[in-house]
């Protein structure tokens, strides 16, 4: 089987991933590195930070063997030292009904490992103001989170009240609480959908919580709305009614700007595809770029940070996905009931042949 040499060694993978995170966020820590390397899913980090019942600690979700894990962190620390990056220790916390709660990454709370996971690196030459901004962002706890129940079973751990499907609950140290016991029952629910109303209601509310629901198909928590005070919601509604025409005009201007930006990006991505795969027909390169960069689909390669930066690996993924669906019988295999991974294995040879032909020009 012919394959392209697109797999750098582990050190190169670590350095490329760490550099990408540092450029994007201004700092980089172990958890962000593992996410960038796809050794840790963002959904697991999100569930852990929000206090989901399945996420007591996070280390169990890092999908890497002991030997590779040790090599990864060694390469990461060597990379940081070579660039004279400045270490800064941040807190891993979440908001709970009793205030700010400390989160653990490791199961046993080993102090040395917990400190390792809390250590982030940033350029040493940054102005103090910028350094303080990054440090404040790293130490800012996430919003208080309330979960919408997706199952029928479960009671409040404090008062014993039944919590049927669709009810809201708050997790406190792994235990479900009804909103009354969590002292959140005076808040009103504001469904997601109106960004300006949600933003203003959150700003004016002395107490607020984000409502999320677990999507079993996508295996992630998805935001559903906010819990805010009645007074805050009323004030936000008045403000939105007062400046609705001005916001509508601003939305129209933003839509035109995004459309122009997308056209420029698609053209640039098409050129990147042709540079990387000179044998790819120009019309197919434009088709791949248009599909990958479609703004309405956030999961597409072109909408990722690597895709927007025209990273070589992101271009590879976009081209491979196009070949899989248009130059093989992959779709027919799926429709006939073939498992996804089995179908991918069956068409891999044909994908490699097309990639080789397009690479050679």
Protein backbone atom coordinates (compact mmCIF):
# COMPACT_ATOMS: atom_id res chain seq x y z
CA UNK A 1 0.00 0.00 0.00
CA UNK A 2 1.37 3.46 -0.93
CA UNK A 3 1.03 6.20 1.66
CA UNK A 4 2.26 9.74 1.91
CA UNK A 5 4.96 10.50 4.44
CA UNK A 6 2.82 12.82 6.57
CA UNK A 7 3.65 11.32 10.00
CA UNK A 8 6.42 13.21 11.82
CA UNK A 9 8.10 11.61 14.83
CA UNK A 10 6.79 12.21 18.33
CA UNK A 11 9.12 15.10 19.13
CA UNK A 12 8.04 16.95 16.00
CA UNK A 13 4.38 16.30 16.80
CA UNK A 14 4.81 17.66 20.32
CA UNK A 15 6.69 20.76 19.18
CA UNK A 16 4.23 21.50 16.39
CA UNK A 17 1.21 21.07 18.68
CA UNK A 18 2.74 23.13 21.50
CA UNK A 19 3.69 25.90 19.09
CA UNK A 20 0.19 25.99 17.62
CA UNK A 21 -1.44 26.32 21.06
CA UNK A 22 1.06 28.98 22.17
CA UNK A 23 0.42 31.03 19.04
CA UNK A 24 -3.35 30.71 19.41
CA UNK A 25 -3.75 31.25 23.17
CA UNK A 26 -0.63 33.10 24.26
CA UNK A 27 0.19 30.26 26.66
CA UNK A 28 0.32 26.46 26.59
CA UNK A 29 -0.12 23.82 29.28
CA UNK A 30 -0.08 20.00 29.34
CA UNK A 31 -3.87 19.60 29.03
CA UNK A 32 -3.99 21.91 26.01
CA UNK A 33 -1.06 20.05 24.46
CA UNK A 34 -2.80 16.70 24.85
CA UNK A 35 -5.95 18.11 23.27
CA UNK A 36 -4.02 19.53 20.31
CA UNK A 37 -2.35 16.13 19.81
CA UNK A 38 -5.78 14.44 20.02
CA UNK A 39 -4.73 12.41 23.04
CA UNK A 40 -7.47 14.06 25.12
CA UNK A 41 -10.91 15.04 23.89
CA UNK A 42 -12.17 18.56 24.50
CA UNK A 43 -15.54 17.11 25.56
CA UNK A 44 -13.87 15.28 28.46
CA UNK A 45 -12.09 18.45 29.61
CA UNK A 46 -15.35 20.36 29.36
CA UNK A 47 -17.24 17.75 31.39
CA UNK A 48 -14.51 17.72 34.02
CA UNK A 49 -14.49 21.52 34.35
CA UNK A 50 -18.28 21.64 34.58
CA UNK A 51 -18.51 18.92 37.22
CA UNK A 52 -20.27 16.26 35.16
CA UNK A 53 -21.04 13.12 37.12
CA UNK A 54 -18.74 10.97 34.94
CA UNK A 55 -15.70 13.26 35.28
CA UNK A 56 -14.37 13.08 38.82
CA UNK A 57 -10.77 13.26 37.62
CA UNK A 58 -9.33 13.86 34.18
CA UNK A 59 -6.17 11.76 33.86
CA UNK A 60 -8.18 8.62 33.05
CA UNK A 61 -9.33 10.26 29.80
CA UNK A 62 -5.81 10.92 28.47
CA UNK A 63 -5.55 8.23 25.80
CA UNK A 64 -1.84 7.44 25.69
CA UNK A 65 0.35 4.62 26.99
CA UNK A 66 2.84 5.14 29.87
CA UNK A 67 5.96 5.16 27.66
CA UNK A 68 4.54 7.58 25.09
CA UNK A 69 3.15 9.74 27.91
CA UNK A 70 6.60 10.10 29.50
CA UNK A 71 8.24 10.90 26.16
CA UNK A 72 5.54 13.45 25.33
CA UNK A 73 5.96 15.44 28.54
CA UNK A 74 9.78 15.24 28.27
CA UNK A 75 9.70 16.64 24.73
CA UNK A 76 7.23 19.33 25.86
CA UNK A 77 9.40 20.50 28.76
CA UNK A 78 12.55 20.46 26.60
CA UNK A 79 10.73 22.53 23.97
CA UNK A 80 9.65 25.06 26.61
CA UNK A 81 13.18 25.31 28.04
CA UNK A 82 14.78 25.76 24.62
CA UNK A 83 12.50 28.72 23.92
CA UNK A 84 13.08 30.25 27.34
CA UNK A 85 9.36 30.27 28.05
CA UNK A 86 8.14 31.57 31.37
CA UNK A 87 6.30 29.06 33.60
CA UNK A 88 3.22 30.21 35.45
CA UNK A 89 1.08 28.13 37.78
CA UNK A 90 -2.69 28.39 37.30
CA UNK A 91 -5.64 27.00 39.23
CA UNK A 92 -8.04 24.33 37.99
CA UNK A 93 -11.37 25.29 39.51
CA UNK A 94 -15.11 25.30 38.96
CA UNK A 95 -17.96 27.27 40.45
CA UNK A 96 -20.19 25.34 42.83
CA UNK A 97 -23.11 26.25 45.09
CA UNK A 98 -20.68 26.71 47.97
CA UNK A 99 -18.24 28.84 46.02
CA UNK A 100 -15.07 28.02 44.07
CA UNK A 101 -14.09 24.32 44.10
CA UNK A 102 -10.63 22.94 43.33
CA UNK A 103 -10.42 20.29 40.60
CA UNK A 104 -8.00 17.38 40.48
CA UNK A 105 -6.47 15.92 37.34
CA UNK A 106 -5.01 12.82 38.99
CA UNK A 107 -7.01 10.21 40.85
CA UNK A 108 -4.92 10.36 44.03
CA UNK A 109 -4.23 14.10 43.91
CA UNK A 110 -0.46 13.66 43.82
CA UNK A 111 0.97 17.16 44.55
CA UNK A 112 3.86 16.90 42.07
CA UNK A 113 1.65 15.77 39.19
CA UNK A 114 -1.09 18.26 40.03
CA UNK A 115 1.52 21.04 39.90
CA UNK A 116 2.76 19.71 36.56
CA UNK A 117 -0.75 19.91 35.09
CA UNK A 118 -1.28 23.41 36.54
CA UNK A 119 1.94 24.77 35.00
CA UNK A 120 1.51 26.78 31.81
CA UNK A 121 4.19 28.42 29.68
CA UNK A 122 4.20 31.83 28.01
CA UNK A 123 6.82 34.01 26.30
CA UNK A 124 9.15 35.57 28.88
CA UNK A 125 9.40 38.91 27.08
CA UNK A 126 5.71 39.83 27.26
CA UNK A 127 4.72 43.17 28.83
CA UNK A 128 3.53 42.83 32.41
CA UNK A 129 0.02 43.93 31.44
CA UNK A 130 -0.25 41.16 28.83
CA UNK A 131 1.21 38.62 31.26
CA UNK A 132 -1.36 39.62 33.87
CA UNK A 133 -4.20 39.25 31.34
CA UNK A 134 -3.12 35.73 30.39
CA UNK A 135 -2.69 34.76 34.05
CA UNK A 136 -6.14 36.12 34.91
CA UNK A 137 -7.69 34.15 32.04
CA UNK A 138 -5.99 30.92 33.14
CA UNK A 139 -7.17 31.35 36.73
CA UNK A 140 -10.73 32.41 35.92
CA UNK A 141 -13.14 29.65 36.99
CA UNK A 142 -15.81 28.61 34.49
CA UNK A 143 -19.44 29.60 34.95
CA UNK A 144 -21.70 27.84 37.39
CA UNK A 145 -23.23 24.96 35.41
CA UNK A 146 -26.66 23.36 35.73
CA UNK A 147 -27.45 20.13 33.88
CA UNK A 148 -30.68 19.25 32.10
CA UNK A 149 -31.44 15.60 32.86
CA UNK A 150 -31.48 13.27 29.87
CA UNK A 151 -32.44 10.15 31.84
CA UNK A 152 -35.52 9.26 33.88
CA UNK A 153 -33.84 7.92 37.01
CA UNK A 154 -32.33 9.93 39.84
CA UNK A 155 -33.28 11.83 42.99
CA UNK A 156 -31.90 14.88 44.78
CA UNK A 157 -29.14 13.70 47.11
CA UNK A 158 -30.18 16.19 49.81
CA UNK A 159 -33.99 16.30 49.96
CA UNK A 160 -34.75 13.09 48.06
CA UNK A 161 -37.06 14.79 45.54
CA UNK A 162 -37.48 12.94 42.26
CA UNK A 163 -35.60 14.43 39.31
CA UNK A 164 -37.37 13.24 36.16
CA UNK A 165 -36.10 13.69 32.62
CA UNK A 166 -35.93 17.36 31.59
CA UNK A 167 -35.46 18.68 35.11
CA UNK A 168 -32.49 20.85 36.04
CA UNK A 169 -29.92 19.72 38.58
CA UNK A 170 -26.58 20.87 39.91
CA UNK A 171 -23.71 18.50 40.67
CA UNK A 172 -21.94 19.10 43.99
CA UNK A 173 -18.92 16.85 44.56
CA UNK A 174 -20.47 14.17 42.39
CA UNK A 175 -23.93 14.38 44.03
CA UNK A 176 -27.05 15.69 42.22
CA UNK A 177 -28.97 18.55 43.82
CA UNK A 178 -32.35 19.95 42.82
CA UNK A 179 -32.41 23.70 42.22
CA UNK A 180 -34.14 24.33 45.56
CA UNK A 181 -31.40 22.61 47.55
CA UNK A 182 -28.79 24.31 45.37
CA UNK A 183 -30.35 27.73 46.19
CA UNK A 184 -30.99 28.42 42.52
CA UNK A 185 -34.77 28.04 42.46
CA UNK A 186 -35.36 31.81 42.35
CA UNK A 187 -33.73 32.03 38.93
CA UNK A 188 -35.67 31.94 35.65
CA UNK A 189 -34.70 30.05 32.53
CA UNK A 190 -33.63 31.96 29.41
CA UNK A 191 -33.27 29.60 26.40
CA UNK A 192 -30.33 30.12 24.06
CA UNK A 193 -30.99 31.82 20.72
CA UNK A 194 -30.77 35.55 21.34
CA UNK A 195 -27.09 36.36 21.92
CA UNK A 196 -27.64 40.01 22.89
CA UNK A 197 -30.40 39.19 25.36
CA UNK A 198 -28.36 36.38 26.93
CA UNK A 199 -25.23 38.52 27.19
CA UNK A 200 -27.05 41.42 28.83
CA UNK A 201 -29.08 39.23 31.17
CA UNK A 202 -25.88 37.49 32.30
CA UNK A 203 -24.21 40.87 32.86
CA UNK A 204 -27.04 42.24 35.00
CA UNK A 205 -27.72 39.05 36.98
CA UNK A 206 -26.20 38.91 40.45
CA UNK A 207 -26.45 35.09 40.28
CA UNK A 208 -26.45 33.10 37.07
CA UNK A 209 -25.80 29.60 35.77
CA UNK A 210 -25.27 28.04 32.34
CA UNK A 211 -27.67 25.22 31.45
CA UNK A 212 -26.19 22.33 29.46
CA UNK A 213 -27.48 18.99 28.21
CA UNK A 214 -25.45 15.92 27.30
CA UNK A 215 -25.77 14.98 23.63
CA UNK A 216 -25.32 11.20 23.55
CA UNK A 217 -24.85 11.09 19.78
CA UNK A 218 -22.02 13.65 19.81
CA UNK A 219 -20.79 12.62 23.30
CA UNK A 220 -20.53 16.17 24.58
CA UNK A 221 -22.36 18.74 26.69
CA UNK A 222 -24.20 21.38 24.69
CA UNK A 223 -25.34 24.76 25.98
CA UNK A 224 -29.12 25.16 26.22
CA UNK A 225 -29.52 28.54 27.90
CA UNK A 226 -29.06 30.48 31.14
CA UNK A 227 -30.60 30.74 34.57
CA UNK A 228 -30.77 34.42 35.60
CA UNK A 229 -32.71 36.62 37.99
CA UNK A 230 -36.08 37.99 36.87
CA UNK A 231 -34.86 41.55 37.36
CA UNK A 232 -31.85 40.97 35.12
CA UNK A 233 -33.97 39.44 32.37
CA UNK A 234 -36.44 42.36 32.47
CA UNK A 235 -33.65 44.95 32.25
CA UNK A 236 -31.94 43.08 29.41
CA UNK A 237 -35.22 42.86 27.49
CA UNK A 238 -35.73 46.61 27.74
CA UNK A 239 -32.20 47.31 26.47
CA UNK A 240 -32.59 44.93 23.53
CA UNK A 241 -35.89 46.50 22.50
CA UNK A 242 -34.33 49.97 22.59
CA UNK A 243 -31.43 49.27 20.21
CA UNK A 244 -32.90 46.49 18.03
CA UNK A 245 -32.68 48.50 14.73
CA UNK A 246 -29.01 49.42 15.30
CA UNK A 247 -28.10 45.79 16.08
CA UNK A 248 -29.91 44.58 12.95
CA UNK A 249 -27.86 46.96 10.79
CA UNK A 250 -24.64 45.81 12.48
CA UNK A 251 -25.55 42.16 11.82
CA UNK A 252 -26.01 42.90 8.12
CA UNK A 253 -22.59 44.58 7.95
CA UNK A 254 -20.99 41.66 9.76
CA UNK A 255 -22.62 39.14 7.43
CA UNK A 256 -21.17 40.90 4.38
CA UNK A 257 -17.73 41.02 6.00
CA UNK A 258 -17.84 37.30 6.81
CA UNK A 259 -18.90 36.50 3.26
CA UNK A 260 -15.91 38.39 1.85
CA UNK A 261 -13.61 36.72 4.37
CA UNK A 262 -14.90 33.27 3.41
CA UNK A 263 -14.35 33.93 -0.30
CA UNK A 264 -10.75 34.97 0.39
CA UNK A 265 -10.13 31.94 2.60
CA UNK A 266 -11.60 29.47 0.10
CA UNK A 267 -9.37 30.91 -2.65
CA UNK A 268 -6.31 30.66 -0.41
CA UNK A 269 -7.19 27.09 0.62
CA UNK A 270 -7.62 26.06 -3.01
CA UNK A 271 -4.16 27.44 -3.79
CA UNK A 272 -2.70 25.58 -0.79
CA UNK A 273 -4.28 22.34 -2.04
CA UNK A 274 -2.77 22.82 -5.51
CA UNK A 275 0.67 23.56 -4.03
CA UNK A 276 0.52 20.42 -1.90
CA UNK A 277 -1.15 18.27 -4.56
CA UNK A 278 -0.15 19.69 -7.98
CA UNK A 279 -1.90 16.84 -9.76
CA UNK A 280 -5.30 17.69 -8.27
CA UNK A 281 -7.65 19.14 -10.90
CA UNK A 282 -8.23 22.83 -10.27
CA UNK A 283 -12.02 22.49 -10.21
CA UNK A 284 -11.76 19.75 -7.57
CA UNK A 285 -9.39 21.90 -5.50
CA UNK A 286 -11.98 24.69 -5.51
CA UNK A 287 -14.72 22.18 -4.62
CA UNK A 288 -12.67 20.80 -1.70
CA UNK A 289 -11.90 24.30 -0.44
CA UNK A 290 -15.50 25.43 -0.69
CA UNK A 291 -16.75 22.39 1.19
CA UNK A 292 -14.07 22.47 3.91
CA UNK A 293 -14.45 26.20 4.53
CA UNK A 294 -18.22 26.34 4.77
CA UNK A 295 -18.98 28.52 7.79
CA UNK A 296 -22.28 26.82 8.61
CA UNK A 297 -20.46 23.59 9.48
CA UNK A 298 -18.13 24.12 12.43
CA UNK A 299 -16.78 20.58 12.33
CA UNK A 300 -15.21 20.93 8.91
CA UNK A 301 -11.44 20.97 8.56
CA UNK A 302 -11.40 24.49 7.13
CA UNK A 303 -13.17 25.87 10.20
CA UNK A 304 -10.47 24.56 12.60
CA UNK A 305 -7.54 26.70 13.72
CA UNK A 306 -5.12 24.52 11.73
CA UNK A 307 -7.34 24.78 8.67
CA UNK A 308 -7.58 28.56 8.89
CA UNK A 309 -3.78 28.65 9.11
CA UNK A 310 -3.57 26.45 5.98
CA UNK A 311 -1.61 23.85 7.95
CA UNK A 312 -0.32 20.97 5.77
CA UNK A 313 -2.00 18.30 7.92
CA UNK A 314 -5.34 20.12 7.71
CA UNK A 315 -5.05 20.33 3.92
CA UNK A 316 -4.31 16.59 3.86
CA UNK A 317 -7.45 15.85 5.88
CA UNK A 318 -9.65 17.95 3.60
CA UNK A 319 -8.27 16.30 0.46
CA UNK A 320 -8.51 12.77 1.90
CA UNK A 321 -12.12 13.34 2.97
CA UNK A 322 -12.99 14.53 -0.55
CA UNK A 323 -11.31 11.55 -2.19
CA UNK A 324 -13.00 9.13 0.20
CA UNK A 325 -16.48 10.37 -0.71
CA UNK A 326 -16.04 11.12 -4.41
CA UNK A 327 -13.40 8.70 -5.73
CA UNK A 328 -14.27 5.51 -3.83
CA UNK A 329 -17.38 3.50 -2.98
CA UNK A 330 -17.15 4.52 0.68
CA UNK A 331 -20.65 6.05 0.78
CA UNK A 332 -22.18 2.94 -0.80
CA UNK A 333 -20.43 0.74 1.77
CA UNK A 334 -21.92 2.80 4.60
CA UNK A 335 -25.39 2.64 3.07
CA UNK A 336 -25.09 -1.14 2.72
CA UNK A 337 -24.46 -1.48 6.46
CA UNK A 338 -20.66 -1.73 6.57
CA UNK A 339 -19.16 -0.39 9.78
CA UNK A 340 -17.43 2.97 9.35
CA UNK A 341 -13.94 1.77 10.28
CA UNK A 342 -14.28 -1.34 8.10
CA UNK A 343 -15.44 0.82 5.19
CA UNK A 344 -12.47 3.14 5.64
CA UNK A 345 -10.09 0.19 5.64
CA UNK A 346 -11.60 -1.14 2.41
CA UNK A 347 -11.14 2.14 0.51
CA UNK A 348 -7.74 3.07 1.93
CA UNK A 349 -5.85 1.58 -1.02
CA UNK A 350 -7.83 3.60 -3.56
CA UNK A 351 -7.34 6.77 -1.51
CA UNK A 352 -3.59 6.17 -1.45
CA UNK A 353 -3.48 5.71 -5.20
CA UNK A 354 -5.28 9.01 -5.84
CA UNK A 355 -3.12 10.82 -3.27
CA UNK A 356 0.05 9.52 -4.90
CA UNK A 357 -1.12 10.57 -8.35
CA UNK A 358 -2.11 14.03 -7.16
CA UNK A 359 1.13 14.46 -5.20
CA UNK A 360 3.30 13.59 -8.19
CA UNK A 361 1.43 15.95 -10.47
